């Protein structure tokens, strides 16, 4: 194995203070300060079986008829190399050749749909599992924060990673912001990382600096005692700041933290050598550490192909996918990263025996699909909520098959293949994520600023009753 490592920042005292207040937003190893008493008036039995969820968030909405639900249409380029797999369904070998080799480990789902057509609203739905409500937006926690709230009390003393980690989310006016903990305690907030353009991973302390760092930290605490002596008059913000600092300190001082962020060049190449690949490699390391990470959101932007969806005009067939634009470039990053991630999780053994993939639920999907039929005037496809497709693996999923089907154009679902006999909506995927982690998705929590209970997954959509539930057919 190569010994050359990608560089990452070293931590100074000033950086530690910034990490404690911004990046490591959450007392990753501390119990919730507020007991909000989540409860349910229904009787469901969560599936359990998974220790962690990795959500590969394909921001922008991949074209389902070119990727996971590939169709051979008039505009489809020949170099998508669509062939029938040994499992009996069609697959774009020209775009996703690596994943084609491990389809025995993947469940392809083609009967998913979305409610929204705007990126920011659809991303909100994907991250929260609820429709956007302006009156409640500040109080609604993300899926990762609900998981952190539920599972933080089960943390081991040896854990040094926070339960909720987000990497590379392309926040902005189009996609909206990363949704955080809402009205839950800050212990449920995410650790946010961005490994694009040099990254912001100031968690590895140079060995030569450790003694000096510890002296300065002790000096700081010797006169900053107000937040260490909680009383009736101590503001909550000070108590939480102390939780931030101690959690950051434990992570930084762990002798295993450097290994999480080490990126050997040979492994980087195997994961694609891209920021998305680097994030997937770090996610693998976090899962393999088995040290507190429960929900890892890894985002890949650039899937919003309104124009030039099939890339630039380059002579030859697929000489370098990432030298082209559109789907070629995005798939050129997704394919090696997801292939390596699933391959490694299947090979690596957990501390309790068995493959890590068996204990890790992996989801790959975007917020909606793309319009079927002919390309637009600018050679692209617009937003299409009626159909989206996704990949699922690990965590007890029964792989090597396809769930659902669409028409020849990929624009309408013709077979649902699950007990609700309707499209699989974001609420159902959210319920399934909670279920595999052993969380009752029908729970509610009170104490919100609006006075309305927060329900983990609502049975209602924005317009009617849908009976949101776990998709048990993923596992059957």
Protein backbone atom coordinates (compact mmCIF):
# COMPACT_ATOMS: atom_id res chain seq x y z
CA UNK A 1 0.00 0.00 0.00
CA UNK A 2 1.27 3.48 -0.83
CA UNK A 3 2.53 5.57 2.06
CA UNK A 4 1.90 8.95 0.48
CA UNK A 5 -1.00 10.73 2.14
CA UNK A 6 -3.20 13.59 1.11
CA UNK A 7 -2.46 16.64 3.23
CA UNK A 8 -4.88 17.91 5.82
CA UNK A 9 -4.70 20.89 8.19
CA UNK A 10 -3.01 20.72 11.57
CA UNK A 11 -4.75 22.17 14.58
CA UNK A 12 -3.78 25.30 16.45
CA UNK A 13 -5.35 26.58 19.69
CA UNK A 14 -7.36 29.13 17.72
CA UNK A 15 -8.50 26.42 15.32
CA UNK A 16 -9.56 24.29 18.29
CA UNK A 17 -11.83 27.05 19.53
CA UNK A 18 -13.31 27.38 16.05
CA UNK A 19 -13.79 23.63 15.78
CA UNK A 20 -15.48 23.52 19.14
CA UNK A 21 -17.96 26.23 18.21
CA UNK A 22 -18.60 25.59 14.53
CA UNK A 23 -17.38 22.32 13.08
CA UNK A 24 -17.93 19.95 15.98
CA UNK A 25 -21.38 21.28 16.72
CA UNK A 26 -22.58 18.75 19.22
CA UNK A 27 -21.59 17.08 22.46
CA UNK A 28 -20.88 13.85 20.68
CA UNK A 29 -20.25 11.85 23.82
CA UNK A 30 -22.59 13.59 26.24
CA UNK A 31 -26.21 12.77 27.08
CA UNK A 32 -28.93 15.10 25.91
CA UNK A 33 -29.38 17.99 28.30
CA UNK A 34 -33.12 18.00 27.72
CA UNK A 35 -35.24 14.88 28.04
CA UNK A 36 -38.02 15.49 25.54
CA UNK A 37 -39.63 12.10 26.20
CA UNK A 38 -40.25 10.77 22.72
CA UNK A 39 -43.21 8.39 22.68
CA UNK A 40 -45.59 6.65 20.31
CA UNK A 41 -49.27 5.77 20.52
CA UNK A 42 -48.87 3.12 17.82
CA UNK A 43 -47.41 -0.36 17.94
CA UNK A 44 -44.62 -0.99 15.45
CA UNK A 45 -41.54 -3.15 15.78
CA UNK A 46 -38.43 -1.47 14.32
CA UNK A 47 -36.31 -3.82 12.28
CA UNK A 48 -32.91 -3.05 13.81
CA UNK A 49 -29.79 -4.83 12.64
CA UNK A 50 -27.79 -1.80 11.44
CA UNK A 51 -25.36 0.29 13.45
CA UNK A 52 -24.86 3.04 10.88
CA UNK A 53 -26.47 4.55 7.78
CA UNK A 54 -24.51 6.08 4.90
CA UNK A 55 -26.67 8.26 2.68
CA UNK A 56 -25.10 9.17 -0.67
CA UNK A 57 -27.01 12.32 -1.53
CA UNK A 58 -26.93 12.87 -5.31
CA UNK A 59 -27.77 16.56 -5.23
CA UNK A 60 -29.55 17.86 -8.31
CA UNK A 61 -31.52 14.77 -9.27
CA UNK A 62 -29.91 12.11 -11.50
CA UNK A 63 -31.57 11.18 -14.77
CA UNK A 64 -33.23 7.87 -13.90
CA UNK A 65 -33.50 6.76 -17.54
CA UNK A 66 -29.72 7.08 -17.97
CA UNK A 67 -28.57 5.58 -14.67
CA UNK A 68 -30.42 3.24 -12.27
CA UNK A 69 -33.50 2.76 -14.49
CA UNK A 70 -31.75 2.99 -17.83
CA UNK A 71 -33.84 3.17 -21.04
CA UNK A 72 -32.83 3.05 -24.67
CA UNK A 73 -34.38 6.18 -26.10
CA UNK A 74 -33.83 8.17 -29.27
CA UNK A 75 -31.37 10.64 -27.62
CA UNK A 76 -29.48 7.92 -25.71
CA UNK A 77 -25.80 7.86 -26.77
CA UNK A 78 -24.39 4.54 -27.85
CA UNK A 79 -21.46 4.87 -25.48
CA UNK A 80 -23.75 4.37 -22.50
CA UNK A 81 -23.14 0.76 -23.51
CA UNK A 82 -26.47 -0.55 -22.22
CA UNK A 83 -26.41 -4.30 -21.71
CA UNK A 84 -28.40 -6.98 -19.92
CA UNK A 85 -26.76 -8.01 -16.66
CA UNK A 86 -26.48 -11.60 -15.46
CA UNK A 87 -29.40 -10.72 -13.17
CA UNK A 88 -31.63 -10.09 -16.17
CA UNK A 89 -32.06 -6.32 -16.23
CA UNK A 90 -30.51 -3.56 -18.32
CA UNK A 91 -27.59 -1.47 -17.03
CA UNK A 92 -25.42 1.39 -18.44
CA UNK A 93 -21.98 -0.25 -18.44
CA UNK A 94 -20.52 2.82 -20.12
CA UNK A 95 -21.45 5.06 -17.20
CA UNK A 96 -21.41 2.72 -14.21
CA UNK A 97 -19.01 -0.12 -15.04
CA UNK A 98 -17.77 -0.64 -11.49
CA UNK A 99 -21.22 -0.95 -9.96
CA UNK A 100 -22.06 -3.42 -12.73
CA UNK A 101 -19.54 -5.81 -11.17
CA UNK A 102 -21.20 -5.77 -7.71
CA UNK A 103 -24.90 -5.72 -8.57
CA UNK A 104 -25.24 -8.94 -6.60
CA UNK A 105 -24.75 -6.74 -3.52
CA UNK A 106 -27.23 -4.01 -4.51
CA UNK A 107 -30.99 -3.60 -4.54
CA UNK A 108 -32.10 -1.36 -7.43
CA UNK A 109 -35.36 0.46 -6.67
CA UNK A 110 -37.30 1.94 -9.60
CA UNK A 111 -40.65 2.79 -8.01
CA UNK A 112 -39.61 5.86 -6.00
CA UNK A 113 -41.14 9.31 -6.39
CA UNK A 114 -40.89 12.79 -4.90
CA UNK A 115 -43.34 15.52 -3.95
CA UNK A 116 -41.35 18.63 -4.85
CA UNK A 117 -39.86 20.02 -8.07
CA UNK A 118 -37.61 22.72 -6.58
CA UNK A 119 -34.19 21.66 -5.35
CA UNK A 120 -34.27 23.41 -2.00
CA UNK A 121 -37.71 22.05 -1.11
CA UNK A 122 -36.93 18.56 -2.39
CA UNK A 123 -33.59 18.52 -0.57
CA UNK A 124 -35.38 19.58 2.60
CA UNK A 125 -37.70 16.61 2.14
CA UNK A 126 -34.75 14.28 1.58
CA UNK A 127 -32.93 15.52 4.67
CA UNK A 128 -35.90 15.82 7.05
CA UNK A 129 -38.52 13.44 5.69
CA UNK A 130 -41.15 16.17 6.02
CA UNK A 131 -42.53 18.85 3.71
CA UNK A 132 -41.10 22.32 4.11
CA UNK A 133 -43.23 24.44 6.45
CA UNK A 134 -42.11 28.09 6.84
CA UNK A 135 -43.82 28.32 10.23
CA UNK A 136 -41.83 25.38 11.60
CA UNK A 137 -38.60 25.45 9.63
CA UNK A 138 -36.45 26.54 12.58
CA UNK A 139 -37.73 23.78 14.84
CA UNK A 140 -37.68 20.77 12.51
CA UNK A 141 -34.64 18.50 13.03
CA UNK A 142 -32.99 16.55 10.25
CA UNK A 143 -32.99 12.76 10.02
CA UNK A 144 -29.40 12.67 11.23
CA UNK A 145 -30.25 14.76 14.28
CA UNK A 146 -33.21 12.56 15.20
CA UNK A 147 -30.88 9.57 14.97
CA UNK A 148 -28.34 11.35 17.16
CA UNK A 149 -31.05 12.20 19.71
CA UNK A 150 -32.25 8.58 19.80
CA UNK A 151 -28.87 6.83 19.91
CA UNK A 152 -26.58 9.21 21.80
CA UNK A 153 -27.50 7.57 25.09
CA UNK A 154 -26.17 4.27 23.73
CA UNK A 155 -22.72 5.72 23.05
CA UNK A 156 -19.75 3.80 24.43
CA UNK A 157 -17.16 5.49 26.62
CA UNK A 158 -14.59 4.72 23.94
CA UNK A 159 -16.56 6.51 21.20
CA UNK A 160 -14.83 9.58 19.84
CA UNK A 161 -16.94 10.36 16.73
CA UNK A 162 -20.22 12.28 16.80
CA UNK A 163 -23.33 10.35 15.72
CA UNK A 164 -24.23 12.67 12.82
CA UNK A 165 -21.66 13.63 10.19
CA UNK A 166 -22.27 15.55 6.95
CA UNK A 167 -19.68 15.86 4.19
CA UNK A 168 -19.55 18.09 1.09
CA UNK A 169 -23.10 19.42 1.16
CA UNK A 170 -23.29 22.11 -1.59
CA UNK A 171 -25.35 24.65 0.32
CA UNK A 172 -26.68 27.69 -1.51
CA UNK A 173 -29.75 29.42 -2.82
CA UNK A 174 -30.56 26.59 -5.21
CA UNK A 175 -30.07 23.60 -2.91
CA UNK A 176 -30.91 25.30 0.36
CA UNK A 177 -28.92 24.83 3.55
CA UNK A 178 -27.86 21.72 5.38
CA UNK A 179 -30.64 20.96 7.86
CA UNK A 180 -29.34 20.63 11.37
CA UNK A 181 -30.81 19.83 14.79
CA UNK A 182 -33.78 22.22 14.78
CA UNK A 183 -35.18 22.55 18.28
CA UNK A 184 -33.33 19.50 19.61
CA UNK A 185 -30.37 20.00 21.90
CA UNK A 186 -27.10 20.89 20.18
CA UNK A 187 -25.78 17.44 21.03
CA UNK A 188 -27.79 16.28 18.00
CA UNK A 189 -26.13 18.72 15.59
CA UNK A 190 -23.89 17.47 12.78
CA UNK A 191 -20.15 17.47 12.45
CA UNK A 192 -19.77 19.20 9.09
CA UNK A 193 -16.82 18.49 6.81
CA UNK A 194 -15.97 19.70 3.34
CA UNK A 195 -13.15 17.87 1.62
CA UNK A 196 -13.56 19.86 -1.59
CA UNK A 197 -10.89 22.42 -2.53
CA UNK A 198 -8.50 21.49 0.26
CA UNK A 199 -11.11 20.59 2.86
CA UNK A 200 -11.75 21.80 6.37
CA UNK A 201 -10.63 18.91 8.57
CA UNK A 202 -8.69 20.57 11.41
CA UNK A 203 -8.86 17.56 13.71
CA UNK A 204 -5.39 16.05 13.50
CA UNK A 205 -3.00 17.44 16.08
CA UNK A 206 0.67 17.47 15.15
CA UNK A 207 2.59 15.24 17.59
CA UNK A 208 5.16 17.94 18.26
CA UNK A 209 2.44 20.39 19.23
CA UNK A 210 0.47 18.20 21.67
CA UNK A 211 2.20 19.24 24.90
CA UNK A 212 1.93 22.91 24.05
CA UNK A 213 -1.71 22.46 23.05
CA UNK A 214 -2.54 20.76 26.38
CA UNK A 215 -0.80 23.49 28.41
CA UNK A 216 -2.74 26.20 26.62
CA UNK A 217 -6.00 24.33 27.03
CA UNK A 218 -5.40 23.92 30.78
CA UNK A 219 -4.55 27.61 31.04
CA UNK A 220 -7.77 28.53 29.26
CA UNK A 221 -9.81 26.44 31.66
CA UNK A 222 -8.02 27.86 34.71
CA UNK A 223 -9.68 31.24 34.25
CA UNK A 224 -12.71 30.37 32.11
CA UNK A 225 -14.59 28.62 34.91
CA UNK A 226 -18.11 30.02 34.52
CA UNK A 227 -19.19 27.37 32.06
CA UNK A 228 -17.70 24.59 34.19
CA UNK A 229 -19.75 25.38 37.31
CA UNK A 230 -23.34 24.93 36.23
CA UNK A 231 -25.98 26.50 38.41
CA UNK A 232 -29.50 27.77 38.16
CA UNK A 233 -28.29 30.97 36.57
CA UNK A 234 -25.89 29.44 34.05
CA UNK A 235 -27.10 30.12 30.47
CA UNK A 236 -27.75 27.05 28.38
CA UNK A 237 -25.41 28.41 25.71
CA UNK A 238 -22.47 28.23 28.15
CA UNK A 239 -23.31 24.66 29.12
CA UNK A 240 -23.52 23.66 25.48
CA UNK A 241 -20.26 25.44 24.69
CA UNK A 242 -18.56 23.34 27.36
CA UNK A 243 -20.06 20.21 25.75
CA UNK A 244 -18.77 21.38 22.37
CA UNK A 245 -15.26 21.89 23.71
CA UNK A 246 -15.03 18.59 25.56
CA UNK A 247 -16.40 16.62 22.61
CA UNK A 248 -13.97 18.28 20.22
CA UNK A 249 -11.14 17.67 22.67
CA UNK A 250 -11.93 13.97 22.99
CA UNK A 251 -12.08 13.53 19.23
CA UNK A 252 -8.87 15.46 18.63
CA UNK A 253 -6.96 13.63 21.37
CA UNK A 254 -8.04 10.17 20.29
CA UNK A 255 -5.00 8.27 18.99
CA UNK A 256 -7.27 6.83 16.28
CA UNK A 257 -8.54 10.11 14.79
CA UNK A 258 -5.58 10.52 12.41
CA UNK A 259 -6.39 7.18 10.84
CA UNK A 260 -9.92 8.35 10.02
CA UNK A 261 -8.62 11.18 7.85
CA UNK A 262 -5.57 9.50 6.34
CA UNK A 263 -6.05 9.19 2.61
CA UNK A 264 -3.36 6.95 1.10
CA UNK A 265 -2.90 7.85 -2.55
CA UNK A 266 -3.50 4.28 -3.76
CA UNK A 267 -6.82 4.17 -1.92
CA UNK A 268 -7.79 7.62 -3.15
CA UNK A 269 -7.29 6.44 -6.71
CA UNK A 270 -9.40 3.34 -6.06
CA UNK A 271 -12.19 5.59 -4.78
CA UNK A 272 -11.87 7.81 -7.84
CA UNK A 273 -9.49 10.51 -6.65
CA UNK A 274 -12.33 13.04 -6.33
CA UNK A 275 -13.74 15.00 -3.38
CA UNK A 276 -16.74 12.67 -3.40
CA UNK A 277 -14.45 9.65 -3.41
CA UNK A 278 -12.39 11.11 -0.56
CA UNK A 279 -15.57 11.62 1.47
CA UNK A 280 -16.66 8.03 0.81
CA UNK A 281 -13.22 6.81 1.92
CA UNK A 282 -13.51 8.82 5.14
CA UNK A 283 -17.04 7.44 5.63
CA UNK A 284 -15.63 3.92 5.30
CA UNK A 285 -13.01 4.71 7.92
CA UNK A 286 -15.64 6.09 10.27
CA UNK A 287 -17.77 2.98 9.94
CA UNK A 288 -14.75 0.71 10.38
CA UNK A 289 -13.74 2.59 13.55
CA UNK A 290 -17.08 1.61 15.17
CA UNK A 291 -16.70 4.63 17.42
CA UNK A 292 -20.01 6.48 17.47
CA UNK A 293 -20.88 7.45 13.87
CA UNK A 294 -24.54 6.56 13.21
CA UNK A 295 -25.64 8.65 10.22
CA UNK A 296 -23.18 9.82 7.56
CA UNK A 297 -24.52 12.10 4.83
CA UNK A 298 -22.15 12.27 1.85
CA UNK A 299 -23.28 14.71 -0.83
CA UNK A 300 -22.29 14.91 -4.48
CA UNK A 301 -23.46 17.99 -6.34
CA UNK A 302 -23.74 18.60 -10.07
CA UNK A 303 -26.61 16.30 -11.08
CA UNK A 304 -28.89 19.14 -12.23
CA UNK A 305 -28.48 18.49 -15.95
CA UNK A 306 -30.86 20.96 -17.56
CA UNK A 307 -28.40 21.33 -20.40
CA UNK A 308 -25.68 19.30 -22.11
CA UNK A 309 -26.62 16.18 -20.16
CA UNK A 310 -24.45 13.96 -22.35
CA UNK A 311 -21.36 16.07 -21.96
CA UNK A 312 -19.01 17.74 -24.37
CA UNK A 313 -18.40 16.69 -27.94
CA UNK A 314 -15.30 14.52 -27.68
CA UNK A 315 -14.18 12.14 -30.41
CA UNK A 316 -13.95 8.48 -29.47
CA UNK A 317 -15.90 6.40 -27.02
CA UNK A 318 -15.49 7.11 -23.30
CA UNK A 319 -11.77 7.83 -23.51
CA UNK A 320 -12.04 9.59 -20.14
CA UNK A 321 -15.46 10.00 -18.63
CA UNK A 322 -14.38 12.77 -16.30
CA UNK A 323 -12.90 14.76 -19.18
CA UNK A 324 -16.46 15.14 -20.41
CA UNK A 325 -19.34 16.99 -18.82
CA UNK A 326 -22.84 16.04 -17.76
CA UNK A 327 -23.58 12.49 -16.69
CA UNK A 328 -20.15 11.24 -17.71
CA UNK A 329 -18.42 13.45 -15.18
CA UNK A 330 -20.84 12.75 -12.33
CA UNK A 331 -20.95 9.01 -12.94
CA UNK A 332 -17.17 9.05 -13.34
CA UNK A 333 -16.96 10.15 -9.70
CA UNK A 334 -19.91 8.17 -8.29
CA UNK A 335 -19.06 4.80 -9.83
CA UNK A 336 -15.57 4.13 -8.41
CA UNK A 337 -16.42 5.70 -5.03
CA UNK A 338 -19.58 3.71 -4.38
CA UNK A 339 -18.08 0.53 -5.82
CA UNK A 340 -15.04 0.76 -3.54
CA UNK A 341 -17.17 1.71 -0.53
CA UNK A 342 -19.49 -1.30 -0.84
CA UNK A 343 -16.61 -3.64 -1.71
CA UNK A 344 -14.61 -2.57 1.34
CA UNK A 345 -17.57 -2.72 3.74
CA UNK A 346 -18.28 -6.23 2.52
CA UNK A 347 -14.65 -7.32 3.07
CA UNK A 348 -14.08 -5.62 6.43
CA UNK A 349 -15.18 -7.49 9.53
CA UNK A 350 -16.95 -5.83 12.44
CA UNK A 351 -15.74 -6.25 16.02
CA UNK A 352 -18.64 -8.60 16.72
CA UNK A 353 -18.01 -10.70 13.62
CA UNK A 354 -19.61 -10.56 10.20
CA UNK A 355 -19.13 -8.04 7.44
CA UNK A 356 -19.44 -4.32 8.17
CA UNK A 357 -21.82 -4.09 5.22
CA UNK A 358 -24.28 -6.29 7.11
CA UNK A 359 -24.37 -3.64 9.85
CA UNK A 360 -24.35 -0.60 7.52
CA UNK A 361 -27.39 0.53 5.53
CA UNK A 362 -26.28 2.37 2.37
CA UNK A 363 -28.65 4.56 0.33
CA UNK A 364 -27.87 6.36 -2.94
CA UNK A 365 -30.53 8.65 -4.44
CA UNK A 366 -31.26 12.20 -5.51
CA UNK A 367 -34.19 14.45 -4.70
CA UNK A 368 -36.18 13.72 -7.89
CA UNK A 369 -35.83 12.37 -11.43
CA UNK A 370 -35.62 14.02 -14.86
CA UNK A 371 -38.15 14.57 -17.63
CA UNK A 372 -38.69 11.66 -20.04
CA UNK A 373 -38.79 11.84 -23.83
CA UNK A 374 -36.79 14.15 -26.05
CA UNK A 375 -34.09 16.42 -24.70
CA UNK A 376 -34.78 20.12 -24.20
CA UNK A 377 -33.55 22.77 -26.61
CA UNK A 378 -30.34 23.01 -24.60
CA UNK A 379 -29.81 19.23 -24.69
CA UNK A 380 -30.85 18.50 -21.12
CA UNK A 381 -33.69 17.22 -18.96
CA UNK A 382 -35.78 19.14 -16.44
CA UNK A 383 -37.17 18.15 -13.04
CA UNK A 384 -39.57 15.20 -12.80
CA UNK A 385 -40.96 14.16 -9.38
CA UNK A 386 -43.16 11.31 -10.67
CA UNK A 387 -40.21 8.90 -10.91
CA UNK A 388 -36.87 8.62 -9.20
CA UNK A 389 -34.64 5.61 -8.77
CA UNK A 390 -32.18 4.64 -6.06
CA UNK A 391 -29.69 2.03 -4.91
CA UNK A 392 -29.80 0.31 -1.51
CA UNK A 393 -27.34 -2.10 0.08
CA UNK A 394 -26.34 -3.61 3.41
CA UNK A 395 -28.17 -3.49 6.71
CA UNK A 396 -30.16 -6.62 5.94
CA UNK A 397 -31.24 -5.61 2.41
CA UNK A 398 -31.86 -8.56 0.09
CA UNK A 399 -29.71 -7.57 -2.90
CA UNK A 400 -29.30 -8.78 -6.47
CA UNK A 401 -32.74 -7.73 -7.67
CA UNK A 402 -34.92 -4.87 -8.88
CA UNK A 403 -37.94 -3.47 -7.03
CA UNK A 404 -40.52 -1.69 -9.19
CA UNK A 405 -40.71 -0.84 -12.87
CA UNK A 406 -41.48 2.10 -15.15
CA UNK A 407 -42.78 2.53 -18.70
CA UNK A 408 -40.54 2.51 -21.75
CA UNK A 409 -39.76 6.22 -21.40
CA UNK A 410 -38.94 6.03 -17.69
CA UNK A 411 -41.54 8.67 -16.90
CA UNK A 412 -44.28 6.72 -15.09
CA UNK A 413 -44.25 3.88 -12.59
CA UNK A 414 -45.99 0.77 -13.89
CA UNK A 415 -45.23 -1.64 -11.02
CA UNK A 416 -44.69 -0.71 -7.36
CA UNK A 417 -43.64 -4.08 -5.91
CA UNK A 418 -44.43 -3.30 -2.31
CA UNK A 419 -47.35 -3.66 0.07
CA UNK A 420 -48.59 -0.06 -0.11
CA UNK A 421 -49.07 -0.38 -3.89
CA UNK A 422 -48.07 3.23 -4.57
CA UNK A 423 -44.81 5.10 -5.16
CA UNK A 424 -42.17 4.93 -2.45
CA UNK A 425 -42.01 8.50 -1.15
CA UNK A 426 -39.32 10.22 0.95
CA UNK A 427 -41.37 9.53 4.09
CA UNK A 428 -41.13 5.79 3.46
CA UNK A 429 -37.37 5.88 2.95
CA UNK A 430 -37.06 7.94 6.16
CA UNK A 431 -39.13 5.38 8.08
CA UNK A 432 -36.92 2.61 6.69
CA UNK A 433 -33.75 4.41 7.78
CA UNK A 434 -35.09 4.78 11.31
CA UNK A 435 -36.31 1.18 11.38
CA UNK A 436 -32.98 -0.43 10.42
CA UNK A 437 -31.35 1.50 13.27
CA UNK A 438 -33.96 0.17 15.69
CA UNK A 439 -35.85 3.47 15.97
CA UNK A 440 -39.65 3.56 16.11
CA UNK A 441 -40.54 5.88 13.23
CA UNK A 442 -44.02 6.61 14.67
CA UNK A 443 -42.62 8.43 17.71
CA UNK A 444 -43.49 12.00 18.56
CA UNK A 445 -41.70 14.60 20.68
CA UNK A 446 -43.26 17.63 22.34
CA UNK A 447 -41.75 20.86 23.57
CA UNK A 448 -41.45 22.57 20.19
CA UNK A 449 -41.58 26.37 19.96
CA UNK A 450 -44.75 26.13 17.88
CA UNK A 451 -46.45 23.90 20.43
CA UNK A 452 -47.04 21.19 17.82
CA UNK A 453 -45.56 17.77 18.36
CA UNK A 454 -42.74 16.74 16.07
CA UNK A 455 -43.52 13.34 14.56
CA UNK A 456 -40.53 11.42 13.23
CA UNK A 457 -42.46 10.40 10.11
CA UNK A 458 -45.91 11.76 9.41
CA UNK A 459 -48.53 9.42 7.88
CA UNK A 460 -49.81 12.37 5.83
CA UNK A 461 -48.23 13.87 2.77
CA UNK A 462 -48.78 17.51 1.91
CA UNK A 463 -52.12 16.64 0.32
CA UNK A 464 -53.48 13.33 1.62
CA UNK A 465 -53.06 10.34 3.91
CA UNK A 466 -50.47 7.91 2.55
CA UNK A 467 -49.71 5.75 5.59
CA UNK A 468 -45.95 6.27 5.54
CA UNK A 469 -44.12 3.15 6.65
CA UNK A 470 -40.97 1.09 6.41
CA UNK A 471 -40.48 -0.55 3.02
CA UNK A 472 -40.23 -4.11 4.35
CA UNK A 473 -39.87 -5.44 0.79
CA UNK A 474 -36.29 -4.09 0.76
CA UNK A 475 -35.45 -6.92 3.12
CA UNK A 476 -37.87 -9.69 2.13
